[in-house]
C-alpha atoms as a PDB file:
ATOM      1  CA  UNK A   1     -75.879 -50.733 331.769  1.00  0.00           C
ATOM      2  CA  UNK A   2     -78.939 -51.691 333.959  1.00  0.00           C
ATOM      3  CA  UNK A   3     -81.022 -51.316 330.946  1.00  0.00           C
ATOM      4  CA  UNK A   4     -78.517 -53.370 328.851  1.00  0.00           C
ATOM      5  CA  UNK A   5     -79.379 -56.573 331.171  1.00  0.00           C
ATOM      6  CA  UNK A   6     -82.982 -55.908 331.108  1.00  0.00           C
ATOM      7  CA  UNK A   7     -83.373 -56.187 327.367  1.00  0.00           C
ATOM      8  CA  UNK A   8     -80.347 -59.245 327.334  1.00  0.00           C
ATOM      9  CA  UNK A   9     -83.422 -62.282 327.157  1.00  0.00           C
ATOM     10  CA  UNK A  10     -84.491 -60.646 323.340  1.00  0.00           C
ATOM     11  CA  UNK A  11     -81.151 -61.636 321.643  1.00  0.00           C
ATOM     12  CA  UNK A  12     -80.524 -64.337 323.189  1.00  0.00           C
ATOM     13  CA  UNK A  13     -81.559 -67.561 321.161  1.00  0.00           C
ATOM     14  CA  UNK A  14     -82.419 -70.704 323.755  1.00  0.00           C
ATOM     15  CA  UNK A  15     -80.942 -73.801 321.222  1.00  0.00           C
ATOM     16  CA  UNK A  16     -83.318 -76.852 321.444  1.00  0.00           C
ATOM     17  CA  UNK A  17     -82.454 -79.772 320.869  1.00  0.00           C
ATOM     18  CA  UNK A  18     -84.946 -82.402 318.622  1.00  0.00           C
ATOM     19  CA  UNK A  19     -86.066 -85.546 321.362  1.00  0.00           C
ATOM     20  CA  UNK A  20     -84.110 -88.378 321.236  1.00  0.00           C
ATOM     21  CA  UNK A  21     -85.216 -91.770 319.792  1.00  0.00           C
ATOM     22  CA  UNK A  22     -86.050 -93.308 323.600  1.00  0.00           C
ATOM     23  CA  UNK A  23     -87.764 -89.931 324.550  1.00  0.00           C
ATOM     24  CA  UNK A  24     -89.979 -89.950 320.947  1.00  0.00           C
ATOM     25  CA  UNK A  25     -90.650 -94.166 321.577  1.00  0.00           C
ATOM     26  CA  UNK A  26     -91.216 -93.589 325.408  1.00  0.00           C
ATOM     27  CA  UNK A  27     -94.775 -90.959 324.565  1.00  0.00           C
ATOM     28  CA  UNK A  28     -96.355 -92.422 321.431  1.00  0.00           C
ATOM     29  CA  UNK A  29     -96.279 -95.488 324.077  1.00  0.00           C
ATOM     30  CA  UNK A  30     -97.285 -93.509 326.933  1.00  0.00           C
ATOM     31  CA  UNK A  31    -100.261 -92.192 324.339  1.00  0.00           C
ATOM     32  CA  UNK A  32    -100.590 -95.394 322.475  1.00  0.00           C
ATOM     33  CA  UNK A  33    -101.558 -96.976 326.100  1.00  0.00           C
ATOM     34  CA  UNK A  34    -103.911 -94.612 326.753  1.00  0.00           C
ATOM     35  CA  UNK A  35    -105.865 -94.788 323.091  1.00  0.00           C
ATOM     36  CA  UNK A  36    -106.082 -98.778 324.197  1.00  0.00           C
ATOM     37  CA  UNK A  37    -107.405 -98.196 327.257  1.00  0.00           C
ATOM     38  CA  UNK A  38    -109.870 -95.570 326.167  1.00  0.00           C
ATOM     39  CA  UNK A  39    -111.073 -97.381 323.753  1.00  0.00           C
ATOM     40  CA  UNK A  40    -111.395-100.517 325.629  1.00  0.00           C
ATOM     41  CA  UNK A  41    -113.217 -98.360 328.381  1.00  0.00           C
ATOM     42  CA  UNK A  42    -115.921 -97.515 325.803  1.00  0.00           C
ATOM     43  CA  UNK A  43    -115.896-101.395 324.626  1.00  0.00           C
ATOM     44  CA  UNK A  44    -117.318-102.404 327.706  1.00  0.00           C
ATOM     45  CA  UNK A  45    -119.381 -99.404 328.525  1.00  0.00           C
ATOM     46  CA  UNK A  46    -121.204-100.271 324.992  1.00  0.00           C
ATOM     47  CA  UNK A  47    -121.218-104.363 325.604  1.00  0.00           C
ATOM     48  CA  UNK A  48    -122.810-103.508 329.686  1.00  0.00           C
ATOM     49  CA  UNK A  49    -125.381-101.534 328.575  1.00  0.00           C
ATOM     50  CA  UNK A  50    -126.040-104.204 325.863  1.00  0.00           C
ATOM     51  CA  UNK A  51    -126.177-106.760 328.310  1.00  0.00           C
ATOM     52  CA  UNK A  52    -128.180-104.882 330.926  1.00  0.00           C
ATOM     53  CA  UNK A  53    -130.745-103.678 328.290  1.00  0.00           C
ATOM     54  CA  UNK A  54    -133.979-105.505 327.555  1.00  0.00           C
ATOM     55  CA  UNK A  55    -133.465-108.899 326.169  1.00  0.00           C
ATOM     56  CA  UNK A  56    -136.863-107.994 324.103  1.00  0.00           C
ATOM     57  CA  UNK A  57    -135.016-105.296 322.141  1.00  0.00           C
ATOM     58  CA  UNK A  58    -132.676-107.774 320.709  1.00  0.00           C
ATOM     59  CA  UNK A  59    -133.321-109.142 317.616  1.00  0.00           C
ATOM     60  CA  UNK A  60    -131.808-113.154 317.530  1.00  0.00           C
ATOM     61  CA  UNK A  61    -131.307-114.009 314.017  1.00  0.00           C
ATOM     62  CA  UNK A  62    -133.196-117.736 313.418  1.00  0.00           C
ATOM     63  CA  UNK A  63    -130.643-120.477 311.729  1.00  0.00           C
ATOM     64  CA  UNK A  64    -132.154-121.753 308.645  1.00  0.00           C
ATOM     65  CA  UNK A  65    -130.588-124.871 306.761  1.00  0.00           C
ATOM     66  CA  UNK A  66    -129.225-123.952 302.992  1.00  0.00           C
ATOM     67  CA  UNK A  67    -131.862-125.327 300.440  1.00  0.00           C
ATOM     68  CA  UNK A  68    -129.920-127.248 298.583  1.00  0.00           C
ATOM     69  CA  UNK A  69    -128.289-129.496 301.690  1.00  0.00           C
ATOM     70  CA  UNK A  70    -130.375-132.938 301.055  1.00  0.00           C
ATOM     71  CA  UNK A  71    -130.506-134.663 304.479  1.00  0.00           C
ATOM     72  CA  UNK A  72    -131.832-137.375 302.928  1.00  0.00           C
ATOM     73  CA  UNK A  73    -131.122-141.004 304.317  1.00  0.00           C
ATOM     74  CA  UNK A  74    -129.108-143.123 301.820  1.00  0.00           C
ATOM     75  CA  UNK A  75    -128.939-146.881 300.837  1.00  0.00           C
ATOM     76  CA  UNK A  76    -126.321-149.208 300.582  1.00  0.00           C
ATOM     77  CA  UNK A  77    -127.148-150.886 297.818  1.00  0.00           C
ATOM     78  CA  UNK A  78    -127.974-146.976 295.884  1.00  0.00           C
ATOM     79  CA  UNK A  79    -124.139-146.242 296.363  1.00  0.00           C
ATOM     80  CA  UNK A  80    -123.292-149.926 295.247  1.00  0.00           C
ATOM     81  CA  UNK A  81    -125.343-149.775 291.821  1.00  0.00           C
ATOM     82  CA  UNK A  82    -124.097-148.868 288.029  1.00  0.00           C
ATOM     83  CA  UNK A  83    -125.089-145.747 287.320  1.00  0.00           C
ATOM     84  CA  UNK A  84    -124.223-143.219 285.023  1.00  0.00           C
ATOM     85  CA  UNK A  85    -122.740-140.283 287.284  1.00  0.00           C
ATOM     86  CA  UNK A  86    -122.117-136.836 286.165  1.00  0.00           C
ATOM     87  CA  UNK A  87    -118.729-135.469 285.307  1.00  0.00           C
ATOM     88  CA  UNK A  88    -117.728-132.500 286.880  1.00  0.00           C
ATOM     89  CA  UNK A  89    -113.733-132.076 285.832  1.00  0.00           C
ATOM     90  CA  UNK A  90    -114.691-129.466 283.038  1.00  0.00           C
ATOM     91  CA  UNK A  91    -116.622-127.124 285.254  1.00  0.00           C
ATOM     92  CA  UNK A  92    -113.296-125.072 286.911  1.00  0.00           C
ATOM     93  CA  UNK A  93    -110.615-125.914 284.865  1.00  0.00           C
ATOM     94  CA  UNK A  94    -109.143-122.048 284.034  1.00  0.00           C
ATOM     95  CA  UNK A  95    -107.074-121.680 280.638  1.00  0.00           C
ATOM     96  CA  UNK A  96    -103.962-120.364 282.040  1.00  0.00           C
ATOM     97  CA  UNK A  97    -100.701-118.618 279.967  1.00  0.00           C
ATOM     98  CA  UNK A  98     -97.988-120.257 281.368  1.00  0.00           C
ATOM     99  CA  UNK A  99     -94.930-119.232 279.208  1.00  0.00           C
ATOM    100  CA  UNK A 100     -93.573-116.057 280.409  1.00  0.00           C
ATOM    101  CA  UNK A 101     -95.623-115.616 283.931  1.00  0.00           C
ATOM    102  CA  UNK A 102     -92.794-115.350 285.781  1.00  0.00           C
ATOM    103  CA  UNK A 103     -90.728-112.435 283.599  1.00  0.00           C
ATOM    104  CA  UNK A 104     -91.522-110.237 285.816  1.00  0.00           C
ATOM    105  CA  UNK A 105     -88.888-112.313 288.268  1.00  0.00           C
ATOM    106  CA  UNK A 106     -86.417-112.232 285.830  1.00  0.00           C
ATOM    107  CA  UNK A 107     -84.252-108.624 287.457  1.00  0.00           C
ATOM    108  CA  UNK A 108     -85.469-109.939 291.103  1.00  0.00           C
ATOM    109  CA  UNK A 109     -82.526-110.096 293.704  1.00  0.00           C
ATOM    110  CA  UNK A 110     -82.779-113.430 296.392  1.00  0.00           C
ATOM    111  CA  UNK A 111     -82.737-112.129 299.769  1.00  0.00           C
ATOM    112  CA  UNK A 112     -81.498-114.838 302.044  1.00  0.00           C
ATOM    113  CA  UNK A 113     -83.378-115.395 305.289  1.00  0.00           C
END
């Protein structure tokens, strides 16, 4: 009988219950916090290394004004003159098909907030 007790664990089945929602949530929360901390520390170290490096290595971009921008002065008399002005109303017109554009909404359910 002693050998039966010795090998009893081979026939017994241990039933494991799946983790509860709270346990899963806590594990996920811990993992996300650790990932965030690692990424944050990596970014901070990256910024410090950039700041500590020689400033001559950092390329600086010069700001250039747009070539089509007119910074000239305007006289009031020029604005009051009757000149033939260009019309830009026809430039941004889109021919849209309005009829039937809402047919995909016919079978939609209305959800109240």
